[in-house]
Amino acid sequence: AADGTIGLETAFGTLNQLFGLEEAISLLTKGRERFGIPSPK
């Protein structure tokens, strides 16, 4: 078999359950600056 799983649809529901809402949203919204992408406001 090949390596890999789909995961876009399940990312939020998993992180929300694992870390709680505020921490999950913080994790889901960070990272753009590292790749030279402007962060939305």
PDB file of all heavy atoms in Angstrom:
ATOM      1  N   ALA A   1       0.832  -1.208   0.000  1.00  0.00           N
ATOM      2  CA  ALA A   1       0.000   0.000   0.000  1.00  0.00           C
ATOM      3  C   ALA A   1       0.866   1.256   0.000  1.00  0.00           C
ATOM      4  O   ALA A   1       2.025   1.246   0.434  1.00  0.00           O
ATOM      5  CB  ALA A   1      -0.929   0.002   1.203  1.00  0.00           C
ATOM      6  N   ALA A   2       0.287   2.345  -0.480  1.00  0.00           N
ATOM      7  CA  ALA A   2       0.968   3.641  -0.458  1.00  0.00           C
ATOM      8  C   ALA A   2       0.705   4.321   0.888  1.00  0.00           C
ATOM      9  O   ALA A   2      -0.301   4.057   1.556  1.00  0.00           O
ATOM     10  CB  ALA A   2       0.467   4.519  -1.598  1.00  0.00           C
ATOM     11  N   ASP A   3       1.626   5.186   1.293  1.00  0.00           N
ATOM     12  CA  ASP A   3       1.485   5.942   2.536  1.00  0.00           C
ATOM     13  C   ASP A   3       0.568   7.136   2.325  1.00  0.00           C
ATOM     14  O   ASP A   3       0.697   7.854   1.331  1.00  0.00           O
ATOM     15  CB  ASP A   3       2.846   6.460   3.009  1.00  0.00           C
ATOM     16  CG  ASP A   3       3.797   5.339   3.408  1.00  0.00           C
ATOM     17  OD1 ASP A   3       3.324   4.383   4.052  1.00  0.00           O
ATOM     18  OD2 ASP A   3       4.988   5.427   3.072  1.00  0.00           O
ATOM     19  N   GLY A   4      -0.333   7.385   3.282  1.00  0.00           N
ATOM     20  CA  GLY A   4      -1.110   8.619   3.225  1.00  0.00           C
ATOM     21  C   GLY A   4      -2.541   8.456   3.673  1.00  0.00           C
ATOM     22  O   GLY A   4      -3.155   7.401   3.526  1.00  0.00           O
ATOM     23  N   THR A   5      -3.090   9.551   4.222  1.00  0.00           N
ATOM     24  CA  THR A   5      -4.504   9.615   4.619  1.00  0.00           C
ATOM     25  C   THR A   5      -5.033  11.008   4.288  1.00  0.00           C
ATOM     26  O   THR A   5      -4.278  11.985   4.334  1.00  0.00           O
ATOM     27  CB  THR A   5      -4.668   9.343   6.123  1.00  0.00           C
ATOM     28  OG1 THR A   5      -6.058   9.439   6.492  1.00  0.00           O
ATOM     29  CG2 THR A   5      -3.891  10.353   6.971  1.00  0.00           C
ATOM     30  N   ILE A   6      -6.322  11.094   3.951  1.00  0.00           N
ATOM     31  CA  ILE A   6      -6.925  12.415   3.821  1.00  0.00           C
ATOM     32  C   ILE A   6      -7.191  12.958   5.224  1.00  0.00           C
ATOM     33  O   ILE A   6      -7.324  12.188   6.174  1.00  0.00           O
ATOM     34  CB  ILE A   6      -8.218  12.386   2.979  1.00  0.00           C
ATOM     35  CG1 ILE A   6      -9.256  11.423   3.584  1.00  0.00           C
ATOM     36  CG2 ILE A   6      -7.904  12.011   1.534  1.00  0.00           C
ATOM     37  CD1 ILE A   6     -10.601  11.461   2.879  1.00  0.00           C
ATOM     38  N   GLY A   7      -7.275  14.306   5.350  1.00  0.00           N
ATOM     39  CA  GLY A   7      -7.411  14.841   6.694  1.00  0.00           C
ATOM     40  C   GLY A   7      -7.983  16.234   6.800  1.00  0.00           C
ATOM     41  O   GLY A   7      -8.165  16.735   7.913  1.00  0.00           O
ATOM     42  N   LEU A   8      -8.274  16.895   5.683  1.00  0.00           N
ATOM     43  CA  LEU A   8      -8.791  18.260   5.757  1.00  0.00           C
ATOM     44  C   LEU A   8     -10.100  18.336   6.536  1.00  0.00           C
ATOM     45  O   LEU A   8     -10.273  19.199   7.404  1.00  0.00           O
ATOM     46  CB  LEU A   8      -8.988  18.824   4.348  1.00  0.00           C
ATOM     47  CG  LEU A   8      -7.747  19.317   3.607  1.00  0.00           C
ATOM     48  CD1 LEU A   8      -8.068  19.584   2.141  1.00  0.00           C
ATOM     49  CD2 LEU A   8      -7.185  20.579   4.263  1.00  0.00           C
ATOM     50  N   GLU A   9     -11.016  17.431   6.243  1.00  0.00           N
ATOM     51  CA  GLU A   9     -12.354  17.503   6.833  1.00  0.00           C
ATOM     52  C   GLU A   9     -12.356  17.211   8.339  1.00  0.00           C
ATOM     53  O   GLU A   9     -13.257  17.653   9.054  1.00  0.00           O
ATOM     54  CB  GLU A   9     -13.282  16.510   6.135  1.00  0.00           C
ATOM     55  CG  GLU A   9     -13.562  16.843   4.683  1.00  0.00           C
ATOM     56  CD  GLU A   9     -14.197  15.683   3.947  1.00  0.00           C
ATOM     57  OE1 GLU A   9     -13.677  14.558   4.025  1.00  0.00           O
ATOM     58  OE2 GLU A   9     -15.230  15.898   3.291  1.00  0.00           O
ATOM     59  N   THR A  10     -11.382  16.474   8.805  1.00  0.00           N
ATOM     60  CA  THR A  10     -11.381  16.022  10.197  1.00  0.00           C
ATOM     61  C   THR A  10     -10.431  16.831  11.085  1.00  0.00           C
ATOM     62  O   THR A  10     -10.381  16.603  12.298  1.00  0.00           O
ATOM     63  CB  THR A  10     -10.979  14.539  10.268  1.00  0.00           C
ATOM     64  OG1 THR A  10      -9.755  14.338   9.513  1.00  0.00           O
ATOM     65  CG2 THR A  10     -12.066  13.661   9.675  1.00  0.00           C
ATOM     66  N   ALA A  11      -9.698  17.777  10.525  1.00  0.00           N
ATOM     67  CA  ALA A  11      -8.683  18.504  11.293  1.00  0.00           C
ATOM     68  C   ALA A  11      -9.303  19.308  12.437  1.00  0.00           C
ATOM     69  O   ALA A  11      -8.887  19.195  13.593  1.00  0.00           O
ATOM     70  CB  ALA A  11      -7.884  19.415  10.368  1.00  0.00           C
ATOM     71  N   PHE A  12     -10.310  20.137  12.123  1.00  0.00           N
ATOM     72  CA  PHE A  12     -10.902  20.993  13.150  1.00  0.00           C
ATOM     73  C   PHE A  12     -11.563  20.177  14.250  1.00  0.00           C
ATOM     74  O   PHE A  12     -11.331  20.400  15.446  1.00  0.00           O
ATOM     75  CB  PHE A  12     -11.912  21.953  12.525  1.00  0.00           C
ATOM     76  CG  PHE A  12     -12.765  22.677  13.531  1.00  0.00           C
ATOM     77  CD1 PHE A  12     -12.183  23.458  14.519  1.00  0.00           C
ATOM     78  CD2 PHE A  12     -14.151  22.570  13.511  1.00  0.00           C
ATOM     79  CE1 PHE A  12     -12.969  24.120  15.465  1.00  0.00           C
ATOM     80  CE2 PHE A  12     -14.931  23.226  14.445  1.00  0.00           C
ATOM     81  CZ  PHE A  12     -14.337  24.003  15.424  1.00  0.00           C
ATOM     82  N   GLY A  13     -12.399  19.211  13.878  1.00  0.00           N
ATOM     83  CA  GLY A  13     -13.116  18.419  14.867  1.00  0.00           C
ATOM     84  C   GLY A  13     -12.191  17.654  15.790  1.00  0.00           C
ATOM     85  O   GLY A  13     -12.499  17.456  16.971  1.00  0.00           O
ATOM     86  N   THR A  14     -11.041  17.230  15.270  1.00  0.00           N
ATOM     87  CA  THR A  14     -10.065  16.509  16.088  1.00  0.00           C
ATOM     88  C   THR A  14      -9.338  17.451  17.032  1.00  0.00           C
ATOM     89  O   THR A  14      -9.188  17.177  18.230  1.00  0.00           O
ATOM     90  CB  THR A  14      -9.054  15.783  15.184  1.00  0.00           C
ATOM     91  OG1 THR A  14      -9.747  14.926  14.272  1.00  0.00           O
ATOM     92  CG2 THR A  14      -8.089  14.954  16.018  1.00  0.00           C
ATOM     93  N   LEU A  15      -8.868  18.577  16.512  1.00  0.00           N
ATOM     94  CA  LEU A  15      -8.120  19.532  17.335  1.00  0.00           C
ATOM     95  C   LEU A  15      -9.015  20.169  18.398  1.00  0.00           C
ATOM     96  O   LEU A  15      -8.572  20.407  19.529  1.00  0.00           O
ATOM     97  CB  LEU A  15      -7.498  20.608  16.453  1.00  0.00           C
ATOM     98  CG  LEU A  15      -6.391  20.135  15.501  1.00  0.00           C
ATOM     99  CD1 LEU A  15      -5.999  21.249  14.539  1.00  0.00           C
ATOM    100  CD2 LEU A  15      -5.177  19.651  16.280  1.00  0.00           C
ATOM    101  N   ASN A  16     -10.259  20.443  18.051  1.00  0.00           N
ATOM    102  CA  ASN A  16     -11.209  21.031  19.001  1.00  0.00           C
ATOM    103  C   ASN A  16     -11.437  20.080  20.169  1.00  0.00           C
ATOM    104  O   ASN A  16     -11.525  20.494  21.332  1.00  0.00           O
ATOM    105  CB  ASN A  16     -12.519  21.336  18.280  1.00  0.00           C
ATOM    106  CG  ASN A  16     -13.510  22.077  19.145  1.00  0.00           C
ATOM    107  OD1 ASN A  16     -13.144  22.816  20.052  1.00  0.00           O
ATOM    108  ND2 ASN A  16     -14.796  21.878  18.861  1.00  0.00           N
ATOM    109  N   GLN A  17     -11.509  18.794  19.864  1.00  0.00           N
ATOM    110  CA  GLN A  17     -11.714  17.793  20.903  1.00  0.00           C
ATOM    111  C   GLN A  17     -10.454  17.593  21.746  1.00  0.00           C
ATOM    112  O   GLN A  17     -10.529  17.386  22.960  1.00  0.00           O
ATOM    113  CB  GLN A  17     -12.109  16.467  20.254  1.00  0.00           C
ATOM    114  CG  GLN A  17     -12.515  15.370  21.206  1.00  0.00           C
ATOM    115  CD  GLN A  17     -13.431  14.372  20.533  1.00  0.00           C
ATOM    116  OE1 GLN A  17     -14.647  14.366  20.750  1.00  0.00           O
ATOM    117  NE2 GLN A  17     -12.864  13.516  19.702  1.00  0.00           N
ATOM    118  N   LEU A  18      -9.304  17.705  21.109  1.00  0.00           N
ATOM    119  CA  LEU A  18      -8.039  17.427  21.782  1.00  0.00           C
ATOM    120  C   LEU A  18      -7.538  18.591  22.626  1.00  0.00           C
ATOM    121  O   LEU A  18      -7.057  18.405  23.745  1.00  0.00           O
ATOM    122  CB  LEU A  18      -6.988  17.053  20.730  1.00  0.00           C
ATOM    123  CG  LEU A  18      -5.645  16.518  21.217  1.00  0.00           C
ATOM    124  CD1 LEU A  18      -5.824  15.209  21.972  1.00  0.00           C
ATOM    125  CD2 LEU A  18      -4.702  16.308  20.030  1.00  0.00           C
ATOM    126  N   PHE A  19      -7.675  19.814  22.106  1.00  0.00           N
ATOM    127  CA  PHE A  19      -7.087  20.979  22.762  1.00  0.00           C
ATOM    128  C   PHE A  19      -8.096  21.982  23.307  1.00  0.00           C
ATOM    129  O   PHE A  19      -7.723  22.885  24.052  1.00  0.00           O
ATOM    130  CB  PHE A  19      -6.169  21.721  21.777  1.00  0.00           C
ATOM    131  CG  PHE A  19      -4.949  20.950  21.379  1.00  0.00           C
ATOM    132  CD1 PHE A  19      -4.871  20.350  20.130  1.00  0.00           C
ATOM    133  CD2 PHE A  19      -3.867  20.828  22.236  1.00  0.00           C
ATOM    134  CE1 PHE A  19      -3.745  19.634  19.756  1.00  0.00           C
ATOM    135  CE2 PHE A  19      -2.726  20.125  21.867  1.00  0.00           C
ATOM    136  CZ  PHE A  19      -2.674  19.521  20.628  1.00  0.00           C
ATOM    137  N   GLY A  20      -9.359  21.873  22.917  1.00  0.00           N
ATOM    138  CA  GLY A  20     -10.325  22.898  23.271  1.00  0.00           C
ATOM    139  C   GLY A  20     -10.369  23.975  22.198  1.00  0.00           C
ATOM    140  O   GLY A  20      -9.452  24.116  21.387  1.00  0.00           O
ATOM    141  N   LEU A  21     -11.438  24.781  22.214  1.00  0.00           N
ATOM    142  CA  LEU A  21     -11.715  25.675  21.101  1.00  0.00           C
ATOM    143  C   LEU A  21     -10.634  26.731  20.876  1.00  0.00           C
ATOM    144  O   LEU A  21     -10.113  26.867  19.774  1.00  0.00           O
ATOM    145  CB  LEU A  21     -13.067  26.371  21.322  1.00  0.00           C
ATOM    146  CG  LEU A  21     -13.460  27.400  20.243  1.00  0.00           C
ATOM    147  CD1 LEU A  21     -13.550  26.730  18.881  1.00  0.00           C
ATOM    148  CD2 LEU A  21     -14.764  28.079  20.605  1.00  0.00           C
ATOM    149  N   GLU A  22     -10.300  27.494  21.894  1.00  0.00           N
ATOM    150  CA  GLU A  22      -9.382  28.613  21.679  1.00  0.00           C
ATOM    151  C   GLU A  22      -8.011  28.152  21.209  1.00  0.00           C
ATOM    152  O   GLU A  22      -7.426  28.744  20.298  1.00  0.00           O
ATOM    153  CB  GLU A  22      -9.257  29.444  22.962  1.00  0.00           C
ATOM    154  CG  GLU A  22     -10.526  30.209  23.316  1.00  0.00           C
ATOM    155  CD  GLU A  22     -10.327  31.106  24.520  1.00  0.00           C
ATOM    156  OE1 GLU A  22      -9.452  31.987  24.451  1.00  0.00           O
ATOM    157  OE2 GLU A  22     -11.034  30.919  25.533  1.00  0.00           O
ATOM    158  N   GLU A  23      -7.508  27.084  21.816  1.00  0.00           N
ATOM    159  CA  GLU A  23      -6.195  26.586  21.410  1.00  0.00           C
ATOM    160  C   GLU A  23      -6.250  26.000  20.006  1.00  0.00           C
ATOM    161  O   GLU A  23      -5.324  26.164  19.212  1.00  0.00           O
ATOM    162  CB  GLU A  23      -5.707  25.538  22.410  1.00  0.00           C
ATOM    163  CG  GLU A  23      -4.212  25.281  22.324  1.00  0.00           C
ATOM    164  CD  GLU A  23      -3.686  24.485  23.510  1.00  0.00           C
ATOM    165  OE1 GLU A  23      -4.454  24.237  24.471  1.00  0.00           O
ATOM    166  OE2 GLU A  23      -2.506  24.121  23.478  1.00  0.00           O
ATOM    167  N   ALA A  24      -7.341  25.311  19.678  1.00  0.00           N
ATOM    168  CA  ALA A  24      -7.490  24.744  18.338  1.00  0.00           C
ATOM    169  C   ALA A  24      -7.484  25.845  17.275  1.00  0.00           C
ATOM    170  O   ALA A  24      -6.811  25.729  16.247  1.00  0.00           O
ATOM    171  CB  ALA A  24      -8.786  23.927  18.243  1.00  0.00           C
ATOM    172  N   ILE A  25      -8.228  26.926  17.517  1.00  0.00           N
ATOM    173  CA  ILE A  25      -8.274  28.022  16.555  1.00  0.00           C
ATOM    174  C   ILE A  25      -6.909  28.688  16.433  1.00  0.00           C
ATOM    175  O   ILE A  25      -6.464  29.056  15.341  1.00  0.00           O
ATOM    176  CB  ILE A  25      -9.353  29.051  16.957  1.00  0.00           C
ATOM    177  CG1 ILE A  25     -10.742  28.405  16.913  1.00  0.00           C
ATOM    178  CG2 ILE A  25      -9.304  30.266  16.035  1.00  0.00           C
ATOM    179  CD1 ILE A  25     -11.123  27.800  15.581  1.00  0.00           C
ATOM    180  N   SER A  26      -6.210  28.831  17.542  1.00  0.00           N
ATOM    181  CA  SER A  26      -4.868  29.407  17.499  1.00  0.00           C
ATOM    182  C   SER A  26      -3.946  28.568  16.620  1.00  0.00           C
ATOM    183  O   SER A  26      -3.174  29.106  15.808  1.00  0.00           O
ATOM    184  CB  SER A  26      -4.300  29.511  18.917  1.00  0.00           C
ATOM    185  OG  SER A  26      -2.981  30.030  18.897  1.00  0.00           O
ATOM    186  N   LEU A  27      -4.046  27.254  16.749  1.00  0.00           N
ATOM    187  CA  LEU A  27      -3.206  26.364  15.941  1.00  0.00           C
ATOM    188  C   LEU A  27      -3.587  26.416  14.464  1.00  0.00           C
ATOM    189  O   LEU A  27      -2.722  26.356  13.582  1.00  0.00           O
ATOM    190  CB  LEU A  27      -3.327  24.928  16.454  1.00  0.00           C
ATOM    191  CG  LEU A  27      -2.737  24.644  17.836  1.00  0.00           C
ATOM    192  CD1 LEU A  27      -3.124  23.251  18.307  1.00  0.00           C
ATOM    193  CD2 LEU A  27      -1.217  24.796  17.807  1.00  0.00           C
ATOM    194  N   LEU A  28      -4.873  26.536  14.189  1.00  0.00           N
ATOM    195  CA  LEU A  28      -5.346  26.515  12.808  1.00  0.00           C
ATOM    196  C   LEU A  28      -5.095  27.825  12.066  1.00  0.00           C
ATOM    197  O   LEU A  28      -5.144  27.854  10.834  1.00  0.00           O
ATOM    198  CB  LEU A  28      -6.850  26.208  12.778  1.00  0.00           C
ATOM    199  CG  LEU A  28      -7.237  24.757  13.095  1.00  0.00           C
ATOM    200  CD1 LEU A  28      -8.721  24.658  13.408  1.00  0.00           C
ATOM    201  CD2 LEU A  28      -6.862  23.832  11.936  1.00  0.00           C
ATOM    202  N   THR A  29      -4.827  28.894  12.797  1.00  0.00           N
ATOM    203  CA  THR A  29      -4.681  30.199  12.139  1.00  0.00           C
ATOM    204  C   THR A  29      -3.240  30.689  12.073  1.00  0.00           C
ATOM    205  O   THR A  29      -2.967  31.717  11.474  1.00  0.00           O
ATOM    206  CB  THR A  29      -5.534  31.268  12.856  1.00  0.00           C
ATOM    207  OG1 THR A  29      -5.198  31.296  14.253  1.00  0.00           O
ATOM    208  CG2 THR A  29      -7.012  30.965  12.701  1.00  0.00           C
ATOM    209  N   LYS A  30      -2.297  29.975  12.670  1.00  0.00           N
ATOM    210  CA  LYS A  30      -0.916  30.455  12.697  1.00  0.00           C
ATOM    211  C   LYS A  30      -0.102  29.864  11.553  1.00  0.00           C
ATOM    212  O   LYS A  30      -0.489  28.862  10.956  1.00  0.00           O
ATOM    213  CB  LYS A  30      -0.269  30.106  14.041  1.00  0.00           C
ATOM    214  CG  LYS A  30      -0.055  28.610  14.244  1.00  0.00           C
ATOM    215  CD  LYS A  30       0.397  28.278  15.676  1.00  0.00           C
ATOM    216  CE  LYS A  30       1.744  28.885  16.000  1.00  0.00           C
ATOM    217  NZ  LYS A  30       2.301  28.307  17.271  1.00  0.00           N
ATOM    218  N   GLY A  31       1.024  30.505  11.244  1.00  0.00           N
ATOM    219  CA  GLY A  31       1.985  29.899  10.327  1.00  0.00           C
ATOM    220  C   GLY A  31       2.228  30.616   9.023  1.00  0.00           C
ATOM    221  O   GLY A  31       3.212  30.341   8.333  1.00  0.00           O
ATOM    222  N   ARG A  32       1.340  31.531   8.641  1.00  0.00           N
ATOM    223  CA  ARG A  32       1.485  32.141   7.326  1.00  0.00           C
ATOM    224  C   ARG A  32       2.798  32.916   7.177  1.00  0.00           C
ATOM    225  O   ARG A  32       3.440  32.865   6.120  1.00  0.00           O
ATOM    226  CB  ARG A  32       0.302  33.072   7.043  1.00  0.00           C
ATOM    227  CG  ARG A  32      -1.023  32.350   6.803  1.00  0.00           C
ATOM    228  CD  ARG A  32      -2.143  33.368   6.685  1.00  0.00           C
ATOM    229  NE  ARG A  32      -3.418  32.804   6.278  1.00  0.00           N
ATOM    230  CZ  ARG A  32      -4.340  32.333   7.099  1.00  0.00           C
ATOM    231  NH1 ARG A  32      -4.111  32.325   8.410  1.00  0.00           N
ATOM    232  NH2 ARG A  32      -5.492  31.851   6.642  1.00  0.00           N
ATOM    233  N   GLU A  33       3.192  33.647   8.222  1.00  0.00           N
ATOM    234  CA  GLU A  33       4.375  34.516   8.112  1.00  0.00           C
ATOM    235  C   GLU A  33       5.625  33.727   7.769  1.00  0.00           C
ATOM    236  O   GLU A  33       6.505  34.214   7.058  1.00  0.00           O
ATOM    237  CB  GLU A  33       4.600  35.275   9.425  1.00  0.00           C
ATOM    238  CG  GLU A  33       3.460  36.205   9.813  1.00  0.00           C
ATOM    239  CD  GLU A  33       2.423  35.531  10.687  1.00  0.00           C
ATOM    240  OE1 GLU A  33       2.394  34.273  10.721  1.00  0.00           O
ATOM    241  OE2 GLU A  33       1.641  36.252  11.334  1.00  0.00           O
ATOM    242  N   ARG A  34       5.719  32.496   8.270  1.00  0.00           N
ATOM    243  CA  ARG A  34       6.900  31.678   7.993  1.00  0.00           C
ATOM    244  C   ARG A  34       7.097  31.460   6.507  1.00  0.00           C
ATOM    245  O   ARG A  34       8.230  31.325   6.020  1.00  0.00           O
ATOM    246  CB  ARG A  34       6.749  30.333   8.708  1.00  0.00           C
ATOM    247  CG  ARG A  34       7.929  29.373   8.548  1.00  0.00           C
ATOM    248  CD  ARG A  34       9.170  29.947   9.154  1.00  0.00           C
ATOM    249  NE  ARG A  34      10.261  28.970   9.244  1.00  0.00           N
ATOM    250  CZ  ARG A  34      11.506  29.274   9.562  1.00  0.00           C
ATOM    251  NH1 ARG A  34      11.826  30.531   9.808  1.00  0.00           N
ATOM    252  NH2 ARG A  34      12.427  28.353   9.634  1.00  0.00           N
ATOM    253  N   PHE A  35       6.007  31.442   5.771  1.00  0.00           N
ATOM    254  CA  PHE A  35       6.053  31.180   4.336  1.00  0.00           C
ATOM    255  C   PHE A  35       5.857  32.456   3.505  1.00  0.00           C
ATOM    256  O   PHE A  35       5.578  32.384   2.309  1.00  0.00           O
ATOM    257  CB  PHE A  35       5.003  30.131   3.972  1.00  0.00           C
ATOM    258  CG  PHE A  35       5.227  28.813   4.667  1.00  0.00           C
ATOM    259  CD1 PHE A  35       4.669  28.554   5.914  1.00  0.00           C
ATOM    260  CD2 PHE A  35       6.034  27.843   4.088  1.00  0.00           C
ATOM    261  CE1 PHE A  35       4.893  27.357   6.565  1.00  0.00           C
ATOM    262  CE2 PHE A  35       6.259  26.631   4.727  1.00  0.00           C
ATOM    263  CZ  PHE A  35       5.699  26.387   5.971  1.00  0.00           C
ATOM    264  N   GLY A  36       6.003  33.599   4.171  1.00  0.00           N
ATOM    265  CA  GLY A  36       5.905  34.868   3.448  1.00  0.00           C
ATOM    266  C   GLY A  36       4.506  35.239   3.025  1.00  0.00           C
ATOM    267  O   GLY A  36       4.327  36.021   2.079  1.00  0.00           O
ATOM    268  N   ILE A  37       3.498  34.705   3.715  1.00  0.00           N
ATOM    269  CA  ILE A  37       2.104  34.971   3.375  1.00  0.00           C
ATOM    270  C   ILE A  37       1.531  35.933   4.419  1.00  0.00           C
ATOM    271  O   ILE A  37       1.659  35.681   5.625  1.00  0.00           O
ATOM    272  CB  ILE A  37       1.282  33.665   3.363  1.00  0.00           C
ATOM    273  CG1 ILE A  37       1.879  32.678   2.353  1.00  0.00           C
ATOM    274  CG2 ILE A  37      -0.181  33.947   3.050  1.00  0.00           C
ATOM    275  CD1 ILE A  37       1.321  31.272   2.480  1.00  0.00           C
ATOM    276  N   PRO A  38       0.899  37.019   4.011  1.00  0.00           N
ATOM    277  CA  PRO A  38       0.339  37.963   4.988  1.00  0.00           C
ATOM    278  C   PRO A  38      -0.745  37.300   5.834  1.00  0.00           C
ATOM    279  O   PRO A  38      -1.578  36.548   5.327  1.00  0.00           O
ATOM    280  CB  PRO A  38      -0.249  39.076   4.116  1.00  0.00           C
ATOM    281  CG  PRO A  38       0.418  38.938   2.786  1.00  0.00           C
ATOM    282  CD  PRO A  38       0.712  37.488   2.621  1.00  0.00           C
ATOM    283  N   SER A  39      -0.747  37.591   7.119  1.00  0.00           N
ATOM    284  CA  SER A  39      -1.780  37.061   8.007  1.00  0.00           C
ATOM    285  C   SER A  39      -3.023  37.942   7.946  1.00  0.00           C
ATOM    286  O   SER A  39      -2.920  39.164   8.022  1.00  0.00           O
ATOM    287  CB  SER A  39      -1.270  36.999   9.442  1.00  0.00           C
ATOM    288  OG  SER A  39      -0.298  36.004   9.573  1.00  0.00           O
ATOM    289  N   PRO A  40      -4.195  37.341   7.806  1.00  0.00           N
ATOM    290  CA  PRO A  40      -5.420  38.138   7.761  1.00  0.00           C
ATOM    291  C   PRO A  40      -5.727  38.745   9.125  1.00  0.00           C
ATOM    292  O   PRO A  40      -5.286  38.246  10.163  1.00  0.00           O
ATOM    293  CB  PRO A  40      -6.485  37.116   7.360  1.00  0.00           C
ATOM    294  CG  PRO A  40      -5.943  35.800   7.808  1.00  0.00           C
ATOM    295  CD  PRO A  40      -4.461  35.896   7.684  1.00  0.00           C
ATOM    296  N   LYS A  41      -6.506  39.829   9.104  1.00  0.00           N
ATOM    297  CA  LYS A  41      -6.927  40.489  10.333  1.00  0.00           C
ATOM    298  C   LYS A  41      -8.448  40.594  10.352  1.00  0.00           C
ATOM    299  O   LYS A  41      -9.078  40.751   9.307  1.00  0.00           O
ATOM    300  CB  LYS A  41      -6.307  41.873  10.445  1.00  0.00           C
ATOM    301  CG  LYS A  41      -4.790  41.877  10.526  1.00  0.00           C
ATOM    302  CD  LYS A  41      -4.250  43.296  10.594  1.00  0.00           C
ATOM    303  CE  LYS A  41      -2.730  43.310  10.654  1.00  0.00           C
ATOM    304  NZ  LYS A  41      -2.194  44.701  10.694  1.00  0.00           N
TER     305      LYS A  41
END
